[in-house]
Amino acid sequence: MAIYTVTDDVLNSEQAQGYFERAHPRALMGLRATLEILGIPVPTYAIRRKPGRTPAKDVMDAIRADMPAQFSTALAPRKPNASPDRVAAATVPNLYNETFTG
């Protein structure tokens, strides 16, 4: 089998980073797989995230510790329904009402 010399300058460039960040996630998976198979170091933009909990849960736990009272999500009670007399009094007369109901 032939031996090839490869420079990783292109992989570590900003253009490659921009391309792989905008590309479909499968393209980035293919890059990682290819580099891992060939034994080439993976660029920082292509490194997989660490498995397990994300720091966001720790942040939310810290916020809850500072603000133990939960905000209410209950809706305010609705106003009682208006009576038909009030609805009729509030309606503005229009041509339809004058012609057909009056």
Protein backbone atom coordinates (compact mmCIF):
# COMPACT_ATOMS: atom_id res chain seq x y z
CA MET A 1 0.00 0.00 0.00
CA ALA A 2 1.24 3.50 -0.83
CA ILE A 3 2.20 6.06 1.79
CA TYR A 4 0.83 9.58 1.36
CA THR A 5 1.97 12.75 3.06
CA VAL A 6 -0.97 14.93 4.06
CA THR A 7 -0.96 18.45 5.47
CA ASP A 8 -3.79 19.36 7.78
CA ASP A 9 -3.55 23.11 7.13
CA VAL A 10 -6.74 23.02 5.07
CA LEU A 11 -8.66 21.14 7.77
CA ASN A 12 -7.58 23.61 10.45
CA SER A 13 -8.50 26.69 8.40
CA GLU A 14 -11.40 29.04 9.07
CA GLN A 15 -12.88 28.20 5.67
CA ALA A 16 -13.09 24.51 6.55
CA GLN A 17 -14.55 25.33 9.95
CA GLY A 18 -17.21 27.55 8.36
CA TYR A 19 -18.02 24.91 5.77
CA PHE A 20 -18.47 22.08 8.26
CA GLU A 21 -20.46 24.26 10.70
CA ARG A 22 -22.95 25.11 7.91
CA ALA A 23 -22.98 21.64 6.33
CA HIS A 24 -25.31 18.80 7.19
CA PRO A 25 -24.30 17.04 10.43
CA ARG A 26 -23.57 13.88 8.44
CA ALA A 27 -20.72 15.68 6.66
CA LEU A 28 -19.12 16.48 10.01
CA MET A 29 -19.65 12.87 11.14
CA GLY A 30 -17.93 11.67 7.98
CA LEU A 31 -15.01 14.03 8.59
CA ARG A 32 -14.59 12.75 12.14
CA ALA A 33 -14.83 9.11 11.08
CA THR A 34 -12.32 9.57 8.28
CA LEU A 35 -9.80 11.39 10.46
CA GLU A 36 -10.16 8.87 13.27
CA ILE A 37 -9.69 5.94 10.88
CA LEU A 38 -6.59 7.54 9.33
CA GLY A 39 -5.21 8.49 12.74
CA ILE A 40 -5.14 12.22 11.96
CA PRO A 41 -5.91 14.58 14.88
CA VAL A 42 -9.47 15.94 14.72
CA PRO A 43 -9.74 19.77 14.58
CA THR A 44 -11.31 21.47 17.60
CA TYR A 45 -14.48 22.42 15.67
CA ALA A 46 -15.11 18.75 14.84
CA ILE A 47 -14.62 17.23 18.28
CA ARG A 48 -17.67 15.44 19.66
CA ARG A 49 -19.29 16.89 22.74
CA LYS A 50 -18.57 15.04 25.95
CA PRO A 51 -21.18 12.48 26.91
CA GLY A 52 -23.28 13.03 30.00
CA ARG A 53 -24.87 16.03 31.62
CA THR A 54 -24.55 19.42 30.03
CA PRO A 55 -23.56 22.49 32.07
CA ALA A 56 -27.01 23.99 31.41
CA LYS A 57 -28.53 21.82 34.14
CA ASP A 58 -25.98 23.13 36.64
CA VAL A 59 -26.83 26.69 35.64
CA MET A 60 -30.55 26.06 36.10
CA ASP A 61 -29.91 24.47 39.49
CA ALA A 62 -27.96 27.58 40.55
CA ILE A 63 -30.77 29.86 39.37
CA ARG A 64 -33.36 27.81 41.27
CA ALA A 65 -31.19 28.01 44.40
CA ASP A 66 -31.15 31.83 44.12
CA MET A 67 -34.85 32.10 43.30
CA PRO A 68 -36.69 29.34 45.17
CA ALA A 69 -40.16 30.81 44.56
CA GLN A 70 -41.61 29.57 41.30
CA PHE A 71 -43.44 31.98 39.07
CA SER A 72 -47.14 31.35 38.81
CA THR A 73 -48.38 30.13 35.47
CA ALA A 74 -52.06 30.30 36.45
CA LEU A 75 -54.22 32.61 34.38
CA ALA A 76 -56.20 35.39 36.00
CA PRO A 77 -59.90 34.63 36.36
CA ARG A 78 -61.99 35.73 33.42
CA LYS A 79 -64.56 38.46 33.71
CA PRO A 80 -68.10 37.18 34.00
CA ASN A 81 -69.98 36.89 30.75
CA ALA A 82 -71.89 39.96 29.75
CA SER A 83 -75.65 39.80 29.72
CA PRO A 84 -77.42 39.93 26.34
CA ASP A 85 -78.78 43.38 27.25
CA ARG A 86 -75.28 44.74 27.76
CA VAL A 87 -74.10 43.17 24.51
CA ALA A 88 -77.05 44.70 22.62
CA ALA A 89 -76.38 48.09 24.18
CA ALA A 90 -72.73 47.93 23.20
CA THR A 91 -73.37 47.06 19.57
CA VAL A 92 -73.02 49.91 17.17
CA PRO A 93 -75.97 50.27 14.83
CA ASN A 94 -75.11 49.39 11.27
CA LEU A 95 -76.95 48.97 7.99
CA TYR A 96 -77.59 45.26 8.60
CA ASN A 97 -79.15 45.86 12.01
CA GLU A 98 -81.28 48.75 10.76
CA THR A 99 -82.51 46.78 7.74
CA PHE A 100 -83.13 43.29 9.04
CA THR A 101 -83.49 43.39 12.83
CA GLY A 102 -85.04 46.77 13.45
